[in-house]
Amino acid sequence: MKSQRPIASGDEHQVLQFRPRTTPSPPIRRGSGIVQPLHAAPEPLDLSRYERPREEPDDFRHRMLANIAALAFTIALTAIGIWLAVSIADLRRTQDCVLMGRRDCARITTPHI
């Protein structure tokens, strides 16, 4: 079987030089077109322009209670998911045993003396 390798020519691969955006640079000629350099924003972009003044300060006690409630809900949901997965696996194991025609599939729990 023939190996399928792409034929690479010297025109396909170019190393691009990246310059910081803070200094304006002249347009660069590449091939048939002119590439204009990107200009930097006059001021740094941050989220301060989206902030609004609050009428009342944060209620940290309420926030902590909400976080604790969310954590408890997540833990309970995870525990229910694990219990459900174990129960389904046990039922599947019992069903496989019955479908094989065995008669000793039921689990008998014995008290520990």
N, C-alpha and C. Protein backbone atom coordinates (compact mmCIF):
# COMPACT_ATOMS: atom_id res chain seq x y z
N MET A 1 0.84 -1.18 0.00
CA MET A 1 0.00 0.00 0.00
C MET A 1 0.88 1.24 0.00
N LYS A 2 0.52 2.21 -0.80
CA LYS A 2 1.29 3.44 -0.92
C LYS A 2 1.00 4.37 0.25
N SER A 3 2.02 4.97 0.80
CA SER A 3 1.79 5.96 1.86
C SER A 3 1.35 7.27 1.22
N GLN A 4 0.41 7.92 1.88
CA GLN A 4 -0.13 9.16 1.33
C GLN A 4 0.40 10.33 2.15
N ARG A 5 1.45 10.90 1.67
CA ARG A 5 2.03 12.07 2.32
C ARG A 5 1.76 13.29 1.46
N PRO A 6 1.41 14.39 2.10
CA PRO A 6 1.24 15.61 1.28
C PRO A 6 2.58 16.10 0.77
N ILE A 7 2.55 16.63 -0.40
CA ILE A 7 3.76 17.19 -0.99
C ILE A 7 3.89 18.63 -0.49
N ALA A 8 4.96 18.90 0.22
CA ALA A 8 5.15 20.23 0.79
C ALA A 8 6.04 21.06 -0.12
N SER A 9 5.60 22.25 -0.39
CA SER A 9 6.43 23.16 -1.17
C SER A 9 6.90 24.28 -0.25
N GLY A 10 7.85 25.01 -0.66
CA GLY A 10 8.41 26.09 0.15
C GLY A 10 7.44 27.24 0.36
N ASP A 11 6.42 27.37 -0.49
CA ASP A 11 5.49 28.49 -0.38
C ASP A 11 4.41 28.27 0.69
N GLU A 12 4.22 27.04 1.13
CA GLU A 12 3.13 26.74 2.05
C GLU A 12 3.41 27.15 3.49
N HIS A 13 4.65 27.13 3.90
CA HIS A 13 4.97 27.35 5.30
C HIS A 13 5.64 28.71 5.48
N GLN A 14 5.09 29.50 6.38
CA GLN A 14 5.67 30.81 6.67
C GLN A 14 5.73 30.98 8.18
N VAL A 15 6.76 31.63 8.63
CA VAL A 15 6.88 31.98 10.04
C VAL A 15 6.42 33.42 10.18
N LEU A 16 5.42 33.64 11.02
CA LEU A 16 4.89 34.98 11.21
C LEU A 16 5.53 35.62 12.43
N GLN A 17 5.95 36.85 12.27
CA GLN A 17 6.54 37.58 13.38
C GLN A 17 5.44 38.36 14.09
N PHE A 18 5.28 38.14 15.37
CA PHE A 18 4.29 38.86 16.15
C PHE A 18 4.96 40.00 16.90
N ARG A 19 4.35 41.17 16.80
CA ARG A 19 4.89 42.34 17.47
C ARG A 19 3.89 42.81 18.51
N PRO A 20 4.33 43.48 19.56
CA PRO A 20 3.38 44.02 20.53
C PRO A 20 2.47 45.06 19.87
N ARG A 21 1.25 45.18 20.36
CA ARG A 21 0.29 46.11 19.76
C ARG A 21 0.49 47.54 20.23
N THR A 22 1.34 47.77 21.17
CA THR A 22 1.48 49.11 21.72
C THR A 22 2.19 50.06 20.75
N THR A 23 3.07 49.57 19.93
CA THR A 23 3.80 50.43 19.01
C THR A 23 3.16 50.33 17.63
N PRO A 24 2.83 51.48 17.03
CA PRO A 24 2.27 51.42 15.68
C PRO A 24 3.35 51.02 14.69
N SER A 25 3.00 50.14 13.78
CA SER A 25 3.97 49.71 12.78
C SER A 25 3.41 50.00 11.39
N PRO A 26 4.26 50.15 10.42
CA PRO A 26 3.81 50.46 9.06
C PRO A 26 3.13 49.24 8.44
N PRO A 27 2.31 49.47 7.39
CA PRO A 27 1.67 48.34 6.71
C PRO A 27 2.72 47.39 6.15
N ILE A 28 2.40 46.11 6.15
CA ILE A 28 3.33 45.08 5.70
C ILE A 28 2.83 44.52 4.37
N ARG A 29 3.75 44.40 3.42
CA ARG A 29 3.37 43.81 2.13
C ARG A 29 3.64 42.32 2.17
N ARG A 30 2.59 41.54 1.91
CA ARG A 30 2.71 40.08 1.83
C ARG A 30 2.03 39.64 0.54
N GLY A 31 2.77 39.10 -0.35
CA GLY A 31 2.19 38.62 -1.60
C GLY A 31 1.61 39.76 -2.40
N SER A 32 0.33 39.65 -2.76
CA SER A 32 -0.29 40.66 -3.61
C SER A 32 -1.06 41.70 -2.81
N GLY A 33 -1.29 41.48 -1.50
CA GLY A 33 -2.09 42.41 -0.71
C GLY A 33 -1.27 43.10 0.35
N ILE A 34 -1.87 44.09 1.00
CA ILE A 34 -1.24 44.82 2.09
C ILE A 34 -1.97 44.45 3.37
N VAL A 35 -1.22 44.07 4.39
CA VAL A 35 -1.79 43.71 5.69
C VAL A 35 -1.63 44.92 6.60
N GLN A 36 -2.74 45.43 7.11
CA GLN A 36 -2.69 46.57 8.03
C GLN A 36 -2.49 46.05 9.45
N PRO A 37 -1.60 46.62 10.20
CA PRO A 37 -1.41 46.17 11.59
C PRO A 37 -2.61 46.58 12.45
N LEU A 38 -2.83 45.81 13.51
CA LEU A 38 -3.91 46.13 14.45
C LEU A 38 -3.46 47.26 15.37
N HIS A 39 -4.37 48.16 15.68
CA HIS A 39 -4.04 49.26 16.57
C HIS A 39 -4.56 48.94 17.96
N ALA A 40 -3.79 49.32 18.96
CA ALA A 40 -4.18 49.05 20.34
C ALA A 40 -5.27 50.02 20.78
N ALA A 41 -6.10 49.57 21.72
CA ALA A 41 -7.13 50.44 22.28
C ALA A 41 -6.46 51.53 23.10
N PRO A 42 -7.01 52.73 23.12
CA PRO A 42 -6.36 53.82 23.85
C PRO A 42 -6.34 53.59 25.36
N GLU A 43 -7.29 52.83 25.90
CA GLU A 43 -7.30 52.56 27.34
C GLU A 43 -7.50 51.08 27.55
N PRO A 44 -7.00 50.55 28.65
CA PRO A 44 -7.16 49.10 28.87
C PRO A 44 -8.63 48.75 29.08
N LEU A 45 -9.02 47.60 28.54
CA LEU A 45 -10.40 47.16 28.66
C LEU A 45 -10.57 46.41 29.98
N ASP A 46 -11.47 46.88 30.81
CA ASP A 46 -11.79 46.19 32.05
C ASP A 46 -13.29 46.25 32.26
N LEU A 47 -13.77 45.70 33.35
CA LEU A 47 -15.21 45.62 33.59
C LEU A 47 -15.74 46.79 34.40
N SER A 48 -14.93 47.78 34.68
CA SER A 48 -15.37 48.89 35.52
C SER A 48 -16.47 49.72 34.84
N ARG A 49 -16.52 49.72 33.52
CA ARG A 49 -17.54 50.50 32.84
C ARG A 49 -18.92 49.86 32.96
N TYR A 50 -18.99 48.58 33.36
CA TYR A 50 -20.27 47.92 33.54
C TYR A 50 -20.76 47.95 34.99
N GLU A 51 -19.96 48.44 35.90
CA GLU A 51 -20.35 48.48 37.31
C GLU A 51 -21.42 49.54 37.53
N ARG A 52 -22.34 49.21 38.42
CA ARG A 52 -23.39 50.16 38.79
C ARG A 52 -23.30 50.42 40.29
N PRO A 53 -23.59 51.60 40.71
CA PRO A 53 -23.60 51.84 42.16
C PRO A 53 -24.77 51.09 42.80
N ARG A 54 -24.53 50.52 43.98
CA ARG A 54 -25.55 49.76 44.68
C ARG A 54 -26.26 50.63 45.70
N GLU A 55 -27.56 50.39 45.83
CA GLU A 55 -28.33 51.14 46.81
C GLU A 55 -28.02 50.68 48.24
N GLU A 56 -27.76 49.36 48.39
CA GLU A 56 -27.47 48.80 49.71
C GLU A 56 -26.24 47.91 49.61
N PRO A 57 -25.49 47.77 50.69
CA PRO A 57 -24.29 46.93 50.64
C PRO A 57 -24.67 45.45 50.55
N ASP A 58 -23.69 44.63 50.19
CA ASP A 58 -23.91 43.19 50.09
C ASP A 58 -24.25 42.61 51.44
N ASP A 59 -25.15 41.64 51.44
CA ASP A 59 -25.50 40.91 52.65
C ASP A 59 -24.71 39.61 52.64
N PHE A 60 -23.52 39.63 53.26
CA PHE A 60 -22.63 38.47 53.22
C PHE A 60 -23.23 37.27 53.96
N ARG A 61 -23.99 37.50 55.01
CA ARG A 61 -24.62 36.41 55.75
C ARG A 61 -25.61 35.66 54.83
N HIS A 62 -26.42 36.41 54.10
CA HIS A 62 -27.36 35.78 53.18
C HIS A 62 -26.63 35.03 52.07
N ARG A 63 -25.56 35.62 51.57
CA ARG A 63 -24.78 34.98 50.52
C ARG A 63 -24.16 33.67 51.01
N MET A 64 -23.63 33.67 52.24
CA MET A 64 -23.04 32.46 52.80
C MET A 64 -24.10 31.39 53.02
N LEU A 65 -25.28 31.76 53.48
CA LEU A 65 -26.35 30.79 53.68
C LEU A 65 -26.79 30.20 52.33
N ALA A 66 -26.86 31.03 51.32
CA ALA A 66 -27.22 30.54 49.99
C ALA A 66 -26.15 29.59 49.46
N ASN A 67 -24.89 29.89 49.69
CA ASN A 67 -23.80 29.01 49.25
C ASN A 67 -23.85 27.68 49.99
N ILE A 68 -24.13 27.72 51.30
CA ILE A 68 -24.22 26.48 52.08
C ILE A 68 -25.40 25.65 51.59
N ALA A 69 -26.54 26.29 51.32
CA ALA A 69 -27.70 25.57 50.81
C ALA A 69 -27.39 24.94 49.45
N ALA A 70 -26.70 25.66 48.60
CA ALA A 70 -26.34 25.12 47.28
C ALA A 70 -25.38 23.94 47.42
N LEU A 71 -24.42 24.04 48.34
CA LEU A 71 -23.49 22.94 48.58
C LEU A 71 -24.22 21.72 49.11
N ALA A 72 -25.16 21.90 50.07
CA ALA A 72 -25.92 20.78 50.62
C ALA A 72 -26.76 20.13 49.52
N PHE A 73 -27.39 20.93 48.67
CA PHE A 73 -28.18 20.39 47.57
C PHE A 73 -27.31 19.59 46.61
N THR A 74 -26.12 20.09 46.32
CA THR A 74 -25.20 19.39 45.42
C THR A 74 -24.75 18.07 46.01
N ILE A 75 -24.43 18.07 47.31
CA ILE A 75 -24.00 16.84 47.98
C ILE A 75 -25.15 15.82 48.00
N ALA A 76 -26.37 16.29 48.31
CA ALA A 76 -27.52 15.38 48.33
C ALA A 76 -27.78 14.81 46.94
N LEU A 77 -27.69 15.63 45.91
CA LEU A 77 -27.92 15.16 44.55
C LEU A 77 -26.86 14.14 44.14
N THR A 78 -25.62 14.37 44.54
CA THR A 78 -24.54 13.43 44.24
C THR A 78 -24.77 12.11 44.96
N ALA A 79 -25.16 12.17 46.24
CA ALA A 79 -25.42 10.94 47.01
C ALA A 79 -26.57 10.15 46.41
N ILE A 80 -27.63 10.83 45.99
CA ILE A 80 -28.76 10.14 45.36
C ILE A 80 -28.33 9.50 44.05
N GLY A 81 -27.50 10.18 43.30
CA GLY A 81 -27.00 9.63 42.04
C GLY A 81 -26.16 8.39 42.25
N ILE A 82 -25.30 8.41 43.26
CA ILE A 82 -24.47 7.23 43.56
C ILE A 82 -25.34 6.07 44.02
N TRP A 83 -26.31 6.35 44.92
CA TRP A 83 -27.21 5.31 45.39
C TRP A 83 -27.99 4.70 44.23
N LEU A 84 -28.46 5.53 43.33
CA LEU A 84 -29.22 5.05 42.17
C LEU A 84 -28.35 4.18 41.27
N ALA A 85 -27.11 4.58 41.05
CA ALA A 85 -26.21 3.79 40.20
C ALA A 85 -25.92 2.43 40.83
N VAL A 86 -25.71 2.39 42.15
CA VAL A 86 -25.45 1.11 42.83
C VAL A 86 -26.69 0.23 42.79
N SER A 87 -27.87 0.81 42.99
CA SER A 87 -29.11 0.04 42.95
C SER A 87 -29.36 -0.55 41.56
N ILE A 88 -29.13 0.24 40.53
CA ILE A 88 -29.32 -0.25 39.17
C ILE A 88 -28.33 -1.36 38.86
N ALA A 89 -27.09 -1.23 39.32
CA ALA A 89 -26.09 -2.27 39.09
C ALA A 89 -26.49 -3.56 39.80
N ASP A 90 -27.02 -3.45 41.03
CA ASP A 90 -27.45 -4.63 41.78
C ASP A 90 -28.64 -5.30 41.09
N LEU A 91 -29.61 -4.52 40.64
CA LEU A 91 -30.75 -5.08 39.92
C LEU A 91 -30.32 -5.75 38.62
N ARG A 92 -29.38 -5.16 37.95
CA ARG A 92 -28.89 -5.74 36.69
C ARG A 92 -28.19 -7.06 36.96
N ARG A 93 -27.40 -7.10 38.03
CA ARG A 93 -26.70 -8.32 38.40
C ARG A 93 -27.71 -9.44 38.71
N THR A 94 -28.76 -9.10 39.45
CA THR A 94 -29.78 -10.08 39.80
C THR A 94 -30.54 -10.53 38.54
N GLN A 95 -30.87 -9.60 37.66
CA GLN A 95 -31.58 -9.93 36.43
C GLN A 95 -30.73 -10.83 35.53
N ASP A 96 -29.45 -10.56 35.42
CA ASP A 96 -28.57 -11.41 34.63
C ASP A 96 -28.53 -12.83 35.19
N CYS A 97 -28.52 -12.94 36.51
CA CYS A 97 -28.49 -14.24 37.17
C CYS A 97 -29.77 -15.02 36.86
N VAL A 98 -30.91 -14.35 36.95
CA VAL A 98 -32.19 -15.01 36.67
C VAL A 98 -32.28 -15.42 35.22
N LEU A 99 -31.83 -14.55 34.31
CA LEU A 99 -31.91 -14.86 32.89
C LEU A 99 -30.98 -16.00 32.48
N MET A 100 -29.96 -16.29 33.29
CA MET A 100 -29.09 -17.42 33.01
C MET A 100 -29.72 -18.73 33.49
N GLY A 101 -30.83 -18.64 34.20
CA GLY A 101 -31.52 -19.84 34.64
C GLY A 101 -31.09 -20.33 36.02
N ARG A 102 -30.36 -19.55 36.72
CA ARG A 102 -29.92 -19.95 38.06
C ARG A 102 -31.06 -19.74 39.05
N ARG A 103 -31.02 -20.48 40.15
CA ARG A 103 -32.08 -20.39 41.13
C ARG A 103 -31.63 -19.71 42.42
N ASP A 104 -30.37 -19.50 42.59
CA ASP A 104 -29.85 -18.92 43.84
C ASP A 104 -29.47 -17.45 43.65
N CYS A 105 -30.32 -16.69 43.00
CA CYS A 105 -29.99 -15.30 42.66
C CYS A 105 -30.34 -14.33 43.78
N ALA A 106 -31.30 -14.67 44.62
CA ALA A 106 -31.72 -13.74 45.66
C ALA A 106 -30.66 -13.69 46.75
N ARG A 107 -30.39 -12.49 47.21
CA ARG A 107 -29.42 -12.32 48.28
C ARG A 107 -30.10 -12.59 49.62
N ILE A 108 -29.48 -13.40 50.39
CA ILE A 108 -30.01 -13.71 51.72
C ILE A 108 -29.05 -13.09 52.73
N THR A 109 -29.57 -12.20 53.53
CA THR A 109 -28.72 -11.57 54.53
C THR A 109 -28.81 -12.38 55.81
N THR A 110 -27.68 -12.64 56.37
CA THR A 110 -27.64 -13.39 57.64
C THR A 110 -27.20 -12.45 58.74
N PRO A 111 -27.82 -12.58 59.91
CA PRO A 111 -27.38 -11.73 61.01
C PRO A 111 -26.01 -12.17 61.52
N HIS A 112 -25.22 -11.20 61.86
CA HIS A 112 -23.88 -11.49 62.39
C HIS A 112 -23.98 -11.74 63.88
N ILE A 113 -23.49 -12.86 64.32
CA ILE A 113 -23.57 -13.21 65.73
C ILE A 113 -22.24 -12.98 66.41
